């Protein structure tokens, strides 16, 4: 589960970097939004927390606030992990607008010309 996961969509490419996973299924990491047109810019990294809640069920949350940017919003993804594919549905809530929903599919391979990459990659890809 640790390592880089990429999402390719018509709006852009995003990267989830799972840094730490514990035996309970909980994990932490960072997320970079690759979609243009809103507060969280590509290349900016935001804290991520999540869990594998059963053998294949996954949930994770990104609070779009870091040391330089505060988007006043939170996104929650829920879905399933199977092998090297994570399929999710998400909800973005914000103090400044109505909730927005969508879906994302994450893979181990970047399918864009350029995917956001952390400065230091996780060494484990399992």
C-alpha atoms as a PDB file:
ATOM      1  CA  UNK A   1       0.000   0.000   0.000  1.00  0.00           C
ATOM      2  CA  UNK A   2       2.861   2.407   0.679  1.00  0.00           C
ATOM      3  CA  UNK A   3       4.338   4.416  -2.155  1.00  0.00           C
ATOM      4  CA  UNK A   4       2.935   6.518  -4.964  1.00  0.00           C
ATOM      5  CA  UNK A   5      -0.586   6.226  -6.386  1.00  0.00           C
ATOM      6  CA  UNK A   6      -1.627   8.326  -9.390  1.00  0.00           C
ATOM      7  CA  UNK A   7      -5.026   9.544 -10.524  1.00  0.00           C
ATOM      8  CA  UNK A   8      -5.525  10.622 -14.137  1.00  0.00           C
ATOM      9  CA  UNK A   9      -8.657  12.551 -15.033  1.00  0.00           C
ATOM     10  CA  UNK A  10      -9.689  15.027 -17.738  1.00  0.00           C
ATOM     11  CA  UNK A  11      -9.125  17.806 -15.181  1.00  0.00           C
ATOM     12  CA  UNK A  12      -5.500  16.838 -14.480  1.00  0.00           C
ATOM     13  CA  UNK A  13      -3.297  14.398 -12.615  1.00  0.00           C
ATOM     14  CA  UNK A  14      -3.049  13.993  -8.855  1.00  0.00           C
ATOM     15  CA  UNK A  15      -0.666  11.983  -6.704  1.00  0.00           C
ATOM     16  CA  UNK A  16      -1.200  10.242  -3.376  1.00  0.00           C
ATOM     17  CA  UNK A  17       2.008   9.357  -1.535  1.00  0.00           C
ATOM     18  CA  UNK A  18       1.376   6.834   1.264  1.00  0.00           C
ATOM     19  CA  UNK A  19       4.361   7.224   3.561  1.00  0.00           C
ATOM     20  CA  UNK A  20       3.512   5.128   6.603  1.00  0.00           C
ATOM     21  CA  UNK A  21       1.171   2.193   7.150  1.00  0.00           C
ATOM     22  CA  UNK A  22       0.676   0.424  10.464  1.00  0.00           C
ATOM     23  CA  UNK A  23      -0.635  -3.073  11.236  1.00  0.00           C
ATOM     24  CA  UNK A  24      -4.057  -1.721  12.172  1.00  0.00           C
ATOM     25  CA  UNK A  25      -4.586  -0.657   8.547  1.00  0.00           C
ATOM     26  CA  UNK A  26      -4.185   3.050   9.266  1.00  0.00           C
ATOM     27  CA  UNK A  27      -1.883   5.061   7.030  1.00  0.00           C
ATOM     28  CA  UNK A  28      -0.550   8.578   6.604  1.00  0.00           C
ATOM     29  CA  UNK A  29       0.932  10.418   3.693  1.00  0.00           C
ATOM     30  CA  UNK A  30       0.560  13.425   1.480  1.00  0.00           C
ATOM     31  CA  UNK A  31      -1.533  14.388  -1.528  1.00  0.00           C
ATOM     32  CA  UNK A  32      -0.941  16.761  -4.421  1.00  0.00           C
ATOM     33  CA  UNK A  33      -3.829  17.962  -6.530  1.00  0.00           C
ATOM     34  CA  UNK A  34      -2.994  18.123 -10.212  1.00  0.00           C
ATOM     35  CA  UNK A  35      -6.253  19.707 -11.298  1.00  0.00           C
ATOM     36  CA  UNK A  36      -6.099  23.322 -12.358  1.00  0.00           C
ATOM     37  CA  UNK A  37      -8.503  26.050 -11.433  1.00  0.00           C
ATOM     38  CA  UNK A  38      -8.736  25.972  -7.676  1.00  0.00           C
ATOM     39  CA  UNK A  39      -6.854  26.721  -4.496  1.00  0.00           C
ATOM     40  CA  UNK A  40      -4.665  23.576  -4.177  1.00  0.00           C
ATOM     41  CA  UNK A  41      -2.029  23.952  -6.899  1.00  0.00           C
ATOM     42  CA  UNK A  42      -0.098  21.109  -8.505  1.00  0.00           C
ATOM     43  CA  UNK A  43       3.144  20.543  -6.648  1.00  0.00           C
ATOM     44  CA  UNK A  44       1.691  21.685  -3.304  1.00  0.00           C
ATOM     45  CA  UNK A  45       1.478  18.782  -0.851  1.00  0.00           C
ATOM     46  CA  UNK A  46      -1.243  18.396   1.780  1.00  0.00           C
ATOM     47  CA  UNK A  47      -1.511  15.946   4.719  1.00  0.00           C
ATOM     48  CA  UNK A  48      -3.414  12.719   4.143  1.00  0.00           C
ATOM     49  CA  UNK A  49      -4.745  10.205   6.683  1.00  0.00           C
ATOM     50  CA  UNK A  50      -6.616   7.000   5.962  1.00  0.00           C
ATOM     51  CA  UNK A  51      -7.249   3.343   6.624  1.00  0.00           C
ATOM     52  CA  UNK A  52      -7.828   0.031   4.967  1.00  0.00           C
ATOM     53  CA  UNK A  53     -11.031  -0.734   6.852  1.00  0.00           C
ATOM     54  CA  UNK A  54     -11.323  -4.341   5.673  1.00  0.00           C
ATOM     55  CA  UNK A  55      -9.456  -6.564   3.241  1.00  0.00           C
ATOM     56  CA  UNK A  56     -10.304  -4.292   0.283  1.00  0.00           C
ATOM     57  CA  UNK A  57     -12.204  -1.264   1.659  1.00  0.00           C
ATOM     58  CA  UNK A  58     -10.283   1.993   1.859  1.00  0.00           C
ATOM     59  CA  UNK A  59     -10.995   5.498   3.081  1.00  0.00           C
ATOM     60  CA  UNK A  60      -8.748   8.545   3.251  1.00  0.00           C
ATOM     61  CA  UNK A  61      -9.044  12.247   3.972  1.00  0.00           C
ATOM     62  CA  UNK A  62      -7.108  15.292   2.813  1.00  0.00           C
ATOM     63  CA  UNK A  63      -7.436  18.586   4.658  1.00  0.00           C
ATOM     64  CA  UNK A  64      -6.469  21.167   2.057  1.00  0.00           C
ATOM     65  CA  UNK A  65      -4.295  23.163   4.430  1.00  0.00           C
ATOM     66  CA  UNK A  66      -0.504  23.188   4.633  1.00  0.00           C
ATOM     67  CA  UNK A  67       2.115  25.688   5.816  1.00  0.00           C
ATOM     68  CA  UNK A  68       1.524  28.057   2.873  1.00  0.00           C
ATOM     69  CA  UNK A  69      -2.041  27.416   1.649  1.00  0.00           C
ATOM     70  CA  UNK A  70      -5.456  27.123   3.302  1.00  0.00           C
ATOM     71  CA  UNK A  71      -8.282  26.157   0.922  1.00  0.00           C
ATOM     72  CA  UNK A  72     -10.846  25.974   3.752  1.00  0.00           C
ATOM     73  CA  UNK A  73     -11.916  22.526   2.558  1.00  0.00           C
ATOM     74  CA  UNK A  74     -11.623  18.796   3.161  1.00  0.00           C
ATOM     75  CA  UNK A  75     -11.981  15.876   0.759  1.00  0.00           C
ATOM     76  CA  UNK A  76     -12.920  12.320   1.780  1.00  0.00           C
ATOM     77  CA  UNK A  77     -12.445   9.355  -0.551  1.00  0.00           C
ATOM     78  CA  UNK A  78     -14.056   5.923   0.027  1.00  0.00           C
ATOM     79  CA  UNK A  79     -13.697   2.890  -2.168  1.00  0.00           C
ATOM     80  CA  UNK A  80     -11.935  -0.399  -2.801  1.00  0.00           C
ATOM     81  CA  UNK A  81      -8.340  -1.469  -3.328  1.00  0.00           C
ATOM     82  CA  UNK A  82      -7.629  -4.481  -5.493  1.00  0.00           C
ATOM     83  CA  UNK A  83      -4.058  -5.334  -6.437  1.00  0.00           C
ATOM     84  CA  UNK A  84      -2.590  -2.146  -7.941  1.00  0.00           C
ATOM     85  CA  UNK A  85      -5.880  -0.306  -8.447  1.00  0.00           C
ATOM     86  CA  UNK A  86      -7.898   1.881  -6.056  1.00  0.00           C
ATOM     87  CA  UNK A  87     -11.405   2.933  -7.182  1.00  0.00           C
ATOM     88  CA  UNK A  88     -13.052   5.647  -5.100  1.00  0.00           C
ATOM     89  CA  UNK A  89     -15.878   8.106  -4.788  1.00  0.00           C
ATOM     90  CA  UNK A  90     -15.153  11.409  -3.060  1.00  0.00           C
ATOM     91  CA  UNK A  91     -16.873  14.355  -1.403  1.00  0.00           C
ATOM     92  CA  UNK A  92     -15.259  17.791  -1.103  1.00  0.00           C
ATOM     93  CA  UNK A  93     -16.706  19.976   1.628  1.00  0.00           C
ATOM     94  CA  UNK A  94     -15.827  23.616   2.098  1.00  0.00           C
ATOM     95  CA  UNK A  95     -16.725  26.554   4.268  1.00  0.00           C
ATOM     96  CA  UNK A  96     -17.053  28.682   1.122  1.00  0.00           C
ATOM     97  CA  UNK A  97     -19.186  26.547  -1.259  1.00  0.00           C
ATOM     98  CA  UNK A  98     -21.635  23.647  -1.516  1.00  0.00           C
ATOM     99  CA  UNK A  99     -20.255  20.075  -1.395  1.00  0.00           C
ATOM    100  CA  UNK A 100     -18.868  18.641  -4.633  1.00  0.00           C
ATOM    101  CA  UNK A 101     -18.746  14.915  -5.460  1.00  0.00           C
ATOM    102  CA  UNK A 102     -16.886  12.781  -7.965  1.00  0.00           C
ATOM    103  CA  UNK A 103     -14.910   9.608  -8.482  1.00  0.00           C
ATOM    104  CA  UNK A 104     -11.209   8.797  -8.914  1.00  0.00           C
ATOM    105  CA  UNK A 105      -9.229   5.730  -9.892  1.00  0.00           C
ATOM    106  CA  UNK A 106      -5.651   5.473  -8.631  1.00  0.00           C
ATOM    107  CA  UNK A 107      -2.968   3.296 -10.229  1.00  0.00           C
ATOM    108  CA  UNK A 108       0.741   2.742  -9.675  1.00  0.00           C
ATOM    109  CA  UNK A 109       1.604   4.203 -13.087  1.00  0.00           C
ATOM    110  CA  UNK A 110       1.479   7.890 -13.995  1.00  0.00           C
ATOM    111  CA  UNK A 111      -0.633   8.162 -17.141  1.00  0.00           C
ATOM    112  CA  UNK A 112      -0.025  11.875 -17.671  1.00  0.00           C
ATOM    113  CA  UNK A 113       2.814  13.814 -19.210  1.00  0.00           C
ATOM    114  CA  UNK A 114       3.652  15.015 -15.738  1.00  0.00           C
ATOM    115  CA  UNK A 115       2.323  13.796 -12.408  1.00  0.00           C
ATOM    116  CA  UNK A 116       3.043  15.641  -9.157  1.00  0.00           C
ATOM    117  CA  UNK A 117       6.045  13.960  -7.516  1.00  0.00           C
ATOM    118  CA  UNK A 118       7.196  14.420  -3.917  1.00  0.00           C
ATOM    119  CA  UNK A 119      10.810  15.446  -3.440  1.00  0.00           C
ATOM    120  CA  UNK A 120      11.536  12.167  -1.664  1.00  0.00           C
ATOM    121  CA  UNK A 121       9.684   9.059  -2.880  1.00  0.00           C
ATOM    122  CA  UNK A 122       8.712   6.218  -0.607  1.00  0.00           C
ATOM    123  CA  UNK A 123      10.952   3.211  -1.312  1.00  0.00           C
ATOM    124  CA  UNK A 124       8.279   0.535  -0.831  1.00  0.00           C
ATOM    125  CA  UNK A 125       5.565  -0.131  -3.417  1.00  0.00           C
ATOM    126  CA  UNK A 126       3.373  -2.939  -2.063  1.00  0.00           C
END
